[in-house]
């Protein structure tokens, strides 16, 4: 499932990049940061990315999840920090949604 989630993240970033100026485009790699001091996204782009990811999860995996929720805000370390933390968080949410 992790590879499928990473593919969805990659597709979401590609879709977001179509909307961004050349100097704002986001690279997809393990070092990509979504939030924090070295974030690749501004707040508007982050919200757009979350929306794209939720749509792709429903389209490609048939699962409806809300990525920004109480669980995300109550974590000691944000699940939105990087590709890796986001992948793990999404996997957990999908498993919960499929129960």
PDB file of N, CA and C in Angstrom:
ATOM      1  N   UNK A   1       0.812  -1.195   0.000  1.00  0.00           N
ATOM      2  CA  UNK A   1       0.000   0.000   0.000  1.00  0.00           C
ATOM      3  C   UNK A   1       0.859   1.264   0.000  1.00  0.00           C
ATOM      4  N   UNK A   2       2.032   1.192   0.635  1.00  0.00           N
ATOM      5  CA  UNK A   2       2.901   2.380   0.698  1.00  0.00           C
ATOM      6  C   UNK A   2       3.278   2.889  -0.693  1.00  0.00           C
ATOM      7  N   UNK A   3       3.581   1.963  -1.588  1.00  0.00           N
ATOM      8  CA  UNK A   3       3.972   2.391  -2.937  1.00  0.00           C
ATOM      9  C   UNK A   3       2.812   3.057  -3.665  1.00  0.00           C
ATOM     10  N   UNK A   4       1.605   2.539  -3.461  1.00  0.00           N
ATOM     11  CA  UNK A   4       0.426   3.133  -4.079  1.00  0.00           C
ATOM     12  C   UNK A   4       0.185   4.541  -3.519  1.00  0.00           C
ATOM     13  N   UNK A   5       0.384   4.695  -2.223  1.00  0.00           N
ATOM     14  CA  UNK A   5       0.217   6.017  -1.602  1.00  0.00           C
ATOM     15  C   UNK A   5       1.275   6.985  -2.123  1.00  0.00           C
ATOM     16  N   UNK A   6       2.510   6.526  -2.212  1.00  0.00           N
ATOM     17  CA  UNK A   6       3.571   7.403  -2.736  1.00  0.00           C
ATOM     18  C   UNK A   6       3.283   7.807  -4.177  1.00  0.00           C
ATOM     19  N   UNK A   7       2.712   6.889  -4.949  1.00  0.00           N
ATOM     20  CA  UNK A   7       2.341   7.215  -6.330  1.00  0.00           C
ATOM     21  C   UNK A   7       1.251   8.281  -6.354  1.00  0.00           C
ATOM     22  N   UNK A   8       0.305   8.190  -5.435  1.00  0.00           N
ATOM     23  CA  UNK A   8      -0.743   9.208  -5.331  1.00  0.00           C
ATOM     24  C   UNK A   8      -0.142  10.554  -4.933  1.00  0.00           C
ATOM     25  N   UNK A   9       0.793  10.548  -3.985  1.00  0.00           N
ATOM     26  CA  UNK A   9       1.471  11.792  -3.605  1.00  0.00           C
ATOM     27  C   UNK A   9       2.223  12.392  -4.785  1.00  0.00           C
ATOM     28  N   UNK A  10       2.896  11.541  -5.533  1.00  0.00           N
ATOM     29  CA  UNK A  10       3.640  12.014  -6.709  1.00  0.00           C
ATOM     30  C   UNK A  10       2.678  12.619  -7.732  1.00  0.00           C
ATOM     31  N   UNK A  11       1.575  11.927  -7.999  1.00  0.00           N
ATOM     32  CA  UNK A  11       0.576  12.444  -8.943  1.00  0.00           C
ATOM     33  C   UNK A  11      -0.005  13.765  -8.462  1.00  0.00           C
ATOM     34  N   UNK A  12      -0.250  13.871  -7.149  1.00  0.00           N
ATOM     35  CA  UNK A  12      -0.814  15.100  -6.585  1.00  0.00           C
ATOM     36  C   UNK A  12       0.158  16.271  -6.742  1.00  0.00           C
ATOM     37  N   UNK A  13       1.425  16.003  -6.502  1.00  0.00           N
ATOM     38  CA  UNK A  13       2.431  17.056  -6.654  1.00  0.00           C
ATOM     39  C   UNK A  13       2.543  17.473  -8.115  1.00  0.00           C
ATOM     40  N   UNK A  14       2.481  16.511  -9.020  1.00  0.00           N
ATOM     41  CA  UNK A  14       2.520  16.847 -10.455  1.00  0.00           C
ATOM     42  C   UNK A  14       1.323  17.704 -10.840  1.00  0.00           C
ATOM     43  N   UNK A  15       0.137  17.352 -10.323  1.00  0.00           N
ATOM     44  CA  UNK A  15      -1.059  18.131 -10.615  1.00  0.00           C
ATOM     45  C   UNK A  15      -0.947  19.535 -10.020  1.00  0.00           C
ATOM     46  N   UNK A  16      -0.430  19.634  -8.806  1.00  0.00           N
ATOM     47  CA  UNK A  16      -0.220  20.944  -8.192  1.00  0.00           C
ATOM     48  C   UNK A  16       0.769  21.768  -9.008  1.00  0.00           C
ATOM     49  N   UNK A  17       1.852  21.138  -9.447  1.00  0.00           N
ATOM     50  CA  UNK A  17       2.876  21.852 -10.215  1.00  0.00           C
ATOM     51  C   UNK A  17       2.323  22.457 -11.498  1.00  0.00           C
ATOM     52  N   UNK A  18       1.289  21.844 -12.065  1.00  0.00           N
ATOM     53  CA  UNK A  18       0.662  22.406 -13.269  1.00  0.00           C
ATOM     54  C   UNK A  18       0.030  23.760 -12.980  1.00  0.00           C
ATOM     55  N   UNK A  19      -0.298  24.000 -11.718  1.00  0.00           N
ATOM     56  CA  UNK A  19      -0.947  25.252 -11.318  1.00  0.00           C
ATOM     57  C   UNK A  19       0.047  26.315 -10.829  1.00  0.00           C
ATOM     58  N   UNK A  20       1.289  25.906 -10.600  1.00  0.00           N
ATOM     59  CA  UNK A  20       2.286  26.809 -10.018  1.00  0.00           C
ATOM     60  C   UNK A  20       3.200  27.411 -11.074  1.00  0.00           C
ATOM     61  N   UNK A  21       3.759  28.572 -10.746  1.00  0.00           N
ATOM     62  CA  UNK A  21       4.777  29.173 -11.604  1.00  0.00           C
ATOM     63  C   UNK A  21       6.032  28.305 -11.557  1.00  0.00           C
ATOM     64  N   UNK A  22       6.879  28.454 -12.561  1.00  0.00           N
ATOM     65  CA  UNK A  22       8.088  27.632 -12.645  1.00  0.00           C
ATOM     66  C   UNK A  22       8.954  27.719 -11.394  1.00  0.00           C
ATOM     67  N   UNK A  23       9.059  28.898 -10.807  1.00  0.00           N
ATOM     68  CA  UNK A  23       9.919  29.065  -9.628  1.00  0.00           C
ATOM     69  C   UNK A  23       9.275  28.542  -8.336  1.00  0.00           C
ATOM     70  N   UNK A  24       8.017  28.083  -8.405  1.00  0.00           N
ATOM     71  CA  UNK A  24       7.322  27.564  -7.229  1.00  0.00           C
ATOM     72  C   UNK A  24       7.138  26.051  -7.258  1.00  0.00           C
ATOM     73  N   UNK A  25       7.523  25.415  -8.342  1.00  0.00           N
ATOM     74  CA  UNK A  25       7.276  23.980  -8.516  1.00  0.00           C
ATOM     75  C   UNK A  25       7.946  23.160  -7.413  1.00  0.00           C
ATOM     76  N   UNK A  26       7.307  22.052  -7.058  1.00  0.00           N
ATOM     77  CA  UNK A  26       7.735  21.202  -5.959  1.00  0.00           C
ATOM     78  C   UNK A  26       8.323  19.907  -6.514  1.00  0.00           C
ATOM     79  N   UNK A  27       9.474  19.532  -5.995  1.00  0.00           N
ATOM     80  CA  UNK A  27      10.089  18.258  -6.382  1.00  0.00           C
ATOM     81  C   UNK A  27       9.511  17.151  -5.525  1.00  0.00           C
ATOM     82  N   UNK A  28       9.387  15.977  -6.116  1.00  0.00           N
ATOM     83  CA  UNK A  28       8.944  14.814  -5.354  1.00  0.00           C
ATOM     84  C   UNK A  28      10.167  13.984  -5.000  1.00  0.00           C
ATOM     85  N   UNK A  29      10.556  14.031  -3.734  1.00  0.00           N
ATOM     86  CA  UNK A  29      11.629  13.164  -3.243  1.00  0.00           C
ATOM     87  C   UNK A  29      11.506  13.051  -1.727  1.00  0.00           C
ATOM     88  N   UNK A  30      12.267  12.163  -1.154  1.00  0.00           N
ATOM     89  CA  UNK A  30      12.162  11.899   0.284  1.00  0.00           C
ATOM     90  C   UNK A  30      12.482  13.128   1.146  1.00  0.00           C
ATOM     91  N   UNK A  31      13.183  14.098   0.590  1.00  0.00           N
ATOM     92  CA  UNK A  31      13.551  15.297   1.351  1.00  0.00           C
ATOM     93  C   UNK A  31      12.535  16.430   1.230  1.00  0.00           C
ATOM     94  N   UNK A  32      11.508  16.233   0.414  1.00  0.00           N
ATOM     95  CA  UNK A  32      10.497  17.270   0.238  1.00  0.00           C
ATOM     96  C   UNK A  32       9.765  17.509   1.548  1.00  0.00           C
ATOM     97  N   UNK A  33       9.731  18.758   1.972  1.00  0.00           N
ATOM     98  CA  UNK A  33       9.041  19.157   3.202  1.00  0.00           C
ATOM     99  C   UNK A  33       7.790  19.938   2.829  1.00  0.00           C
ATOM    100  N   UNK A  34       6.681  19.567   3.447  1.00  0.00           N
ATOM    101  CA  UNK A  34       5.420  20.257   3.169  1.00  0.00           C
ATOM    102  C   UNK A  34       5.179  21.414   4.121  1.00  0.00           C
ATOM    103  N   UNK A  35       5.702  21.300   5.340  1.00  0.00           N
ATOM    104  CA  UNK A  35       5.540  22.367   6.326  1.00  0.00           C
ATOM    105  C   UNK A  35       6.854  22.565   7.053  1.00  0.00           C
ATOM    106  N   UNK A  36       6.942  23.617   7.817  1.00  0.00           N
ATOM    107  CA  UNK A  36       8.146  23.890   8.585  1.00  0.00           C
ATOM    108  C   UNK A  36       9.024  24.928   7.912  1.00  0.00           C
ATOM    109  N   UNK A  37      10.200  25.125   8.477  1.00  0.00           N
ATOM    110  CA  UNK A  37      11.089  26.192   8.013  1.00  0.00           C
ATOM    111  C   UNK A  37      11.622  25.980   6.607  1.00  0.00           C
ATOM    112  N   UNK A  38      11.700  24.744   6.165  1.00  0.00           N
ATOM    113  CA  UNK A  38      12.202  24.476   4.813  1.00  0.00           C
ATOM    114  C   UNK A  38      11.088  23.940   3.907  1.00  0.00           C
ATOM    115  N   UNK A  39       9.872  24.378   4.148  1.00  0.00           N
ATOM    116  CA  UNK A  39       8.717  23.900   3.391  1.00  0.00           C
ATOM    117  C   UNK A  39       8.815  24.281   1.925  1.00  0.00           C
ATOM    118  N   UNK A  40       8.404  23.343   1.090  1.00  0.00           N
ATOM    119  CA  UNK A  40       8.400  23.570  -0.349  1.00  0.00           C
ATOM    120  C   UNK A  40       7.129  24.289  -0.798  1.00  0.00           C
ATOM    121  N   UNK A  41       6.157  24.417   0.108  1.00  0.00           N
ATOM    122  CA  UNK A  41       4.859  24.979  -0.247  1.00  0.00           C
ATOM    123  C   UNK A  41       4.502  26.171   0.625  1.00  0.00           C
ATOM    124  N   UNK A  42       3.770  27.115   0.042  1.00  0.00           N
ATOM    125  CA  UNK A  42       3.163  28.147   0.872  1.00  0.00           C
ATOM    126  C   UNK A  42       1.816  27.603   1.346  1.00  0.00           C
ATOM    127  N   UNK A  43       1.112  28.331   2.178  1.00  0.00           N
ATOM    128  CA  UNK A  43      -0.107  27.800   2.790  1.00  0.00           C
ATOM    129  C   UNK A  43      -1.209  27.504   1.770  1.00  0.00           C
ATOM    130  N   UNK A  44      -1.356  28.350   0.771  1.00  0.00           N
ATOM    131  CA  UNK A  44      -2.381  28.128  -0.257  1.00  0.00           C
ATOM    132  C   UNK A  44      -2.057  26.868  -1.061  1.00  0.00           C
ATOM    133  N   UNK A  45      -0.811  26.699  -1.426  1.00  0.00           N
ATOM    134  CA  UNK A  45      -0.405  25.508  -2.173  1.00  0.00           C
ATOM    135  C   UNK A  45      -0.575  24.246  -1.330  1.00  0.00           C
ATOM    136  N   UNK A  46      -0.307  24.355  -0.034  1.00  0.00           N
ATOM    137  CA  UNK A  46      -0.480  23.208   0.856  1.00  0.00           C
ATOM    138  C   UNK A  46      -1.942  22.777   0.891  1.00  0.00           C
ATOM    139  N   UNK A  47      -2.856  23.721   1.058  1.00  0.00           N
ATOM    140  CA  UNK A  47      -4.289  23.414   1.095  1.00  0.00           C
ATOM    141  C   UNK A  47      -4.732  22.801  -0.237  1.00  0.00           C
ATOM    142  N   UNK A  48      -4.232  23.341  -1.322  1.00  0.00           N
ATOM    143  CA  UNK A  48      -4.558  22.802  -2.643  1.00  0.00           C
ATOM    144  C   UNK A  48      -4.053  21.368  -2.776  1.00  0.00           C
ATOM    145  N   UNK A  49      -2.832  21.120  -2.330  1.00  0.00           N
ATOM    146  CA  UNK A  49      -2.260  19.771  -2.391  1.00  0.00           C
ATOM    147  C   UNK A  49      -3.101  18.787  -1.581  1.00  0.00           C
ATOM    148  N   UNK A  50      -3.510  19.166  -0.389  1.00  0.00           N
ATOM    149  CA  UNK A  50      -4.334  18.289   0.457  1.00  0.00           C
ATOM    150  C   UNK A  50      -5.628  17.929  -0.273  1.00  0.00           C
ATOM    151  N   UNK A  51      -6.246  18.903  -0.891  1.00  0.00           N
ATOM    152  CA  UNK A  51      -7.488  18.673  -1.630  1.00  0.00           C
ATOM    153  C   UNK A  51      -7.267  17.702  -2.800  1.00  0.00           C
ATOM    154  N   UNK A  52      -6.181  17.905  -3.517  1.00  0.00           N
ATOM    155  CA  UNK A  52      -5.853  17.017  -4.649  1.00  0.00           C
ATOM    156  C   UNK A  52      -5.625  15.596  -4.143  1.00  0.00           C
ATOM    157  N   UNK A  53      -4.879  15.447  -3.056  1.00  0.00           N
ATOM    158  CA  UNK A  53      -4.602  14.118  -2.497  1.00  0.00           C
ATOM    159  C   UNK A  53      -5.901  13.429  -2.101  1.00  0.00           C
ATOM    160  N   UNK A  54      -6.789  14.129  -1.416  1.00  0.00           N
ATOM    161  CA  UNK A  54      -8.058  13.529  -1.003  1.00  0.00           C
ATOM    162  C   UNK A  54      -8.861  13.070  -2.217  1.00  0.00           C
ATOM    163  N   UNK A  55      -8.880  13.884  -3.265  1.00  0.00           N
ATOM    164  CA  UNK A  55      -9.588  13.499  -4.493  1.00  0.00           C
ATOM    165  C   UNK A  55      -8.970  12.259  -5.130  1.00  0.00           C
ATOM    166  N   UNK A  56      -7.642  12.215  -5.182  1.00  0.00           N
ATOM    167  CA  UNK A  56      -6.955  11.073  -5.790  1.00  0.00           C
ATOM    168  C   UNK A  56      -7.138   9.796  -4.973  1.00  0.00           C
ATOM    169  N   UNK A  57      -7.164   9.916  -3.659  1.00  0.00           N
ATOM    170  CA  UNK A  57      -7.411   8.744  -2.816  1.00  0.00           C
ATOM    171  C   UNK A  57      -8.783   8.143  -3.116  1.00  0.00           C
ATOM    172  N   UNK A  58      -9.754   9.006  -3.283  1.00  0.00           N
ATOM    173  CA  UNK A  58     -11.099   8.524  -3.585  1.00  0.00           C
ATOM    174  C   UNK A  58     -11.151   7.923  -4.991  1.00  0.00           C
ATOM    175  N   UNK A  59     -10.531   8.600  -5.930  1.00  0.00           N
ATOM    176  CA  UNK A  59     -10.546   8.158  -7.326  1.00  0.00           C
ATOM    177  C   UNK A  59      -9.777   6.852  -7.535  1.00  0.00           C
ATOM    178  N   UNK A  60      -8.593   6.750  -6.972  1.00  0.00           N
ATOM    179  CA  UNK A  60      -7.707   5.616  -7.259  1.00  0.00           C
ATOM    180  C   UNK A  60      -7.822   4.453  -6.275  1.00  0.00           C
ATOM    181  N   UNK A  61      -8.263   4.757  -5.046  1.00  0.00           N
ATOM    182  CA  UNK A  61      -8.340   3.700  -4.037  1.00  0.00           C
ATOM    183  C   UNK A  61      -9.760   3.491  -3.508  1.00  0.00           C
ATOM    184  N   UNK A  62     -10.677   4.354  -3.924  1.00  0.00           N
ATOM    185  CA  UNK A  62     -12.057   4.219  -3.494  1.00  0.00           C
ATOM    186  C   UNK A  62     -12.271   4.464  -2.016  1.00  0.00           C
ATOM    187  N   UNK A  63     -11.394   5.274  -1.431  1.00  0.00           N
ATOM    188  CA  UNK A  63     -11.497   5.558   0.004  1.00  0.00           C
ATOM    189  C   UNK A  63     -11.622   7.069   0.211  1.00  0.00           C
ATOM    190  N   UNK A  64     -12.543   7.431   1.106  1.00  0.00           N
ATOM    191  CA  UNK A  64     -12.742   8.838   1.430  1.00  0.00           C
ATOM    192  C   UNK A  64     -12.155   9.096   2.808  1.00  0.00           C
ATOM    193  N   UNK A  65     -11.177   9.974   2.864  1.00  0.00           N
ATOM    194  CA  UNK A  65     -10.561  10.351   4.135  1.00  0.00           C
ATOM    195  C   UNK A  65     -10.424  11.861   4.193  1.00  0.00           C
ATOM    196  N   UNK A  66     -10.391  12.356   5.408  1.00  0.00           N
ATOM    197  CA  UNK A  66     -10.142  13.774   5.640  1.00  0.00           C
ATOM    198  C   UNK A  66      -8.749  13.870   6.244  1.00  0.00           C
ATOM    199  N   UNK A  67      -7.810  14.373   5.474  1.00  0.00           N
ATOM    200  CA  UNK A  67      -6.416  14.414   5.917  1.00  0.00           C
ATOM    201  C   UNK A  67      -6.187  15.410   7.051  1.00  0.00           C
ATOM    202  N   UNK A  68      -6.847  16.532   6.981  1.00  0.00           N
ATOM    203  CA  UNK A  68      -6.692  17.536   8.040  1.00  0.00           C
ATOM    204  C   UNK A  68      -7.817  17.291   9.043  1.00  0.00           C
ATOM    205  N   UNK A  69      -7.433  16.725  10.178  1.00  0.00           N
ATOM    206  CA  UNK A  69      -8.408  16.365  11.195  1.00  0.00           C
ATOM    207  C   UNK A  69      -7.770  16.476  12.576  1.00  0.00           C
ATOM    208  N   UNK A  70      -8.524  16.109  13.593  1.00  0.00           N
ATOM    209  CA  UNK A  70      -8.032  16.211  14.974  1.00  0.00           C
ATOM    210  C   UNK A  70      -6.783  15.370  15.194  1.00  0.00           C
ATOM    211  N   UNK A  71      -6.751  14.185  14.596  1.00  0.00           N
ATOM    212  CA  UNK A  71      -5.590  13.298  14.744  1.00  0.00           C
ATOM    213  C   UNK A  71      -4.317  13.980  14.242  1.00  0.00           C
ATOM    214  N   UNK A  72      -4.428  14.668  13.128  1.00  0.00           N
ATOM    215  CA  UNK A  72      -3.261  15.351  12.551  1.00  0.00           C
ATOM    216  C   UNK A  72      -2.736  16.432  13.481  1.00  0.00           C
ATOM    217  N   UNK A  73      -3.636  17.159  14.117  1.00  0.00           N
ATOM    218  CA  UNK A  73      -3.227  18.266  14.984  1.00  0.00           C
ATOM    219  C   UNK A  73      -2.805  17.816  16.375  1.00  0.00           C
ATOM    220  N   UNK A  74      -3.212  16.606  16.759  1.00  0.00           N
ATOM    221  CA  UNK A  74      -2.858  16.141  18.097  1.00  0.00           C
ATOM    222  C   UNK A  74      -1.542  15.359  18.115  1.00  0.00           C
ATOM    223  N   UNK A  75      -0.978  15.083  16.963  1.00  0.00           N
ATOM    224  CA  UNK A  75       0.296  14.362  16.897  1.00  0.00           C
ATOM    225  C   UNK A  75       1.434  15.249  17.382  1.00  0.00           C
ATOM    226  N   UNK A  76       2.426  14.632  18.042  1.00  0.00           N
ATOM    227  CA  UNK A  76       3.600  15.403  18.483  1.00  0.00           C
ATOM    228  C   UNK A  76       4.356  15.947  17.280  1.00  0.00           C
ATOM    229  N   UNK A  77       4.491  15.135  16.263  1.00  0.00           N
ATOM    230  CA  UNK A  77       5.152  15.560  15.024  1.00  0.00           C
ATOM    231  C   UNK A  77       4.112  15.543  13.912  1.00  0.00           C
ATOM    232  N   UNK A  78       4.010  16.617  13.195  1.00  0.00           N
ATOM    233  CA  UNK A  78       2.991  16.735  12.160  1.00  0.00           C
ATOM    234  C   UNK A  78       3.141  15.653  11.098  1.00  0.00           C
ATOM    235  N   UNK A  79       2.036  15.025  10.721  1.00  0.00           N
ATOM    236  CA  UNK A  79       2.093  14.039   9.650  1.00  0.00           C
ATOM    237  C   UNK A  79       2.343  14.683   8.286  1.00  0.00           C
ATOM    238  N   UNK A  80       2.249  15.993   8.226  1.00  0.00           N
ATOM    239  CA  UNK A  80       2.444  16.713   6.973  1.00  0.00           C
ATOM    240  C   UNK A  80       3.875  17.203   6.773  1.00  0.00           C
ATOM    241  N   UNK A  81       4.764  16.756   7.619  1.00  0.00           N
ATOM    242  CA  UNK A  81       6.147  17.228   7.582  1.00  0.00           C
ATOM    243  C   UNK A  81       6.863  16.853   6.290  1.00  0.00           C
ATOM    244  N   UNK A  82       6.756  15.596   5.867  1.00  0.00           N
ATOM    245  CA  UNK A  82       7.520  15.137   4.701  1.00  0.00           C
ATOM    246  C   UNK A  82       6.760  14.057   3.940  1.00  0.00           C
ATOM    247  N   UNK A  83       7.302  13.642   2.832  1.00  0.00           N
ATOM    248  CA  UNK A  83       6.726  12.551   2.041  1.00  0.00           C
ATOM    249  C   UNK A  83       6.581  11.303   2.913  1.00  0.00           C
ATOM    250  N   UNK A  84       7.594  10.981   3.673  1.00  0.00           N
ATOM    251  CA  UNK A  84       7.587   9.764   4.491  1.00  0.00           C
ATOM    252  C   UNK A  84       6.534   9.827   5.593  1.00  0.00           C
ATOM    253  N   UNK A  85       6.470  10.939   6.327  1.00  0.00           N
ATOM    254  CA  UNK A  85       5.481  11.038   7.408  1.00  0.00           C
ATOM    255  C   UNK A  85       4.064  11.083   6.834  1.00  0.00           C
ATOM    256  N   UNK A  86       3.906  11.723   5.703  1.00  0.00           N
ATOM    257  CA  UNK A  86       2.599  11.801   5.050  1.00  0.00           C
ATOM    258  C   UNK A  86       2.156  10.420   4.575  1.00  0.00           C
ATOM    259  N   UNK A  87       3.079   9.648   4.026  1.00  0.00           N
ATOM    260  CA  UNK A  87       2.763   8.301   3.553  1.00  0.00           C
ATOM    261  C   UNK A  87       2.276   7.429   4.703  1.00  0.00           C
ATOM    262  N   UNK A  88       2.983   7.453   5.811  1.00  0.00           N
ATOM    263  CA  UNK A  88       2.590   6.648   6.965  1.00  0.00           C
ATOM    264  C   UNK A  88       1.234   7.082   7.507  1.00  0.00           C
ATOM    265  N   UNK A  89       1.033   8.374   7.603  1.00  0.00           N
ATOM    266  CA  UNK A  89      -0.227   8.918   8.091  1.00  0.00           C
ATOM    267  C   UNK A  89      -1.385   8.511   7.189  1.00  0.00           C
ATOM    268  N   UNK A  90      -1.192   8.633   5.887  1.00  0.00           N
ATOM    269  CA  UNK A  90      -2.237   8.261   4.939  1.00  0.00           C
ATOM    270  C   UNK A  90      -2.540   6.772   5.020  1.00  0.00           C
ATOM    271  N   UNK A  91      -1.518   5.954   5.169  1.00  0.00           N
ATOM    272  CA  UNK A  91      -1.725   4.513   5.290  1.00  0.00           C
ATOM    273  C   UNK A  91      -2.578   4.204   6.524  1.00  0.00           C
ATOM    274  N   UNK A  92      -2.287   4.855   7.632  1.00  0.00           N
ATOM    275  CA  UNK A  92      -3.065   4.659   8.856  1.00  0.00           C
ATOM    276  C   UNK A  92      -4.531   5.080   8.653  1.00  0.00           C
ATOM    277  N   UNK A  93      -4.739   6.230   8.026  1.00  0.00           N
ATOM    278  CA  UNK A  93      -6.104   6.706   7.794  1.00  0.00           C
ATOM    279  C   UNK A  93      -6.874   5.776   6.872  1.00  0.00           C
ATOM    280  N   UNK A  94      -6.224   5.268   5.850  1.00  0.00           N
ATOM    281  CA  UNK A  94      -6.883   4.365   4.902  1.00  0.00           C
ATOM    282  C   UNK A  94      -7.268   3.067   5.602  1.00  0.00           C
ATOM    283  N   UNK A  95      -6.375   2.537   6.408  1.00  0.00           N
ATOM    284  CA  UNK A  95      -6.697   1.318   7.153  1.00  0.00           C
ATOM    285  C   UNK A  95      -7.893   1.534   8.070  1.00  0.00           C
ATOM    286  N   UNK A  96      -7.942   2.685   8.739  1.00  0.00           N
ATOM    287  CA  UNK A  96      -9.074   3.002   9.615  1.00  0.00           C
ATOM    288  C   UNK A  96     -10.373   3.117   8.809  1.00  0.00           C
ATOM    289  N   UNK A  97     -10.294   3.756   7.640  1.00  0.00           N
ATOM    290  CA  UNK A  97     -11.475   3.956   6.816  1.00  0.00           C
ATOM    291  C   UNK A  97     -12.005   2.652   6.229  1.00  0.00           C
ATOM    292  N   UNK A  98     -11.128   1.682   6.050  1.00  0.00           N
ATOM    293  CA  UNK A  98     -11.521   0.410   5.451  1.00  0.00           C
ATOM    294  C   UNK A  98     -12.072  -0.590   6.464  1.00  0.00           C
ATOM    295  N   UNK A  99     -12.030  -0.253   7.747  1.00  0.00           N
ATOM    296  CA  UNK A  99     -12.540  -1.174   8.784  1.00  0.00           C
ATOM    297  C   UNK A  99     -14.053  -1.252   8.741  1.00  0.00           C
TER     298      UNK A  99
END
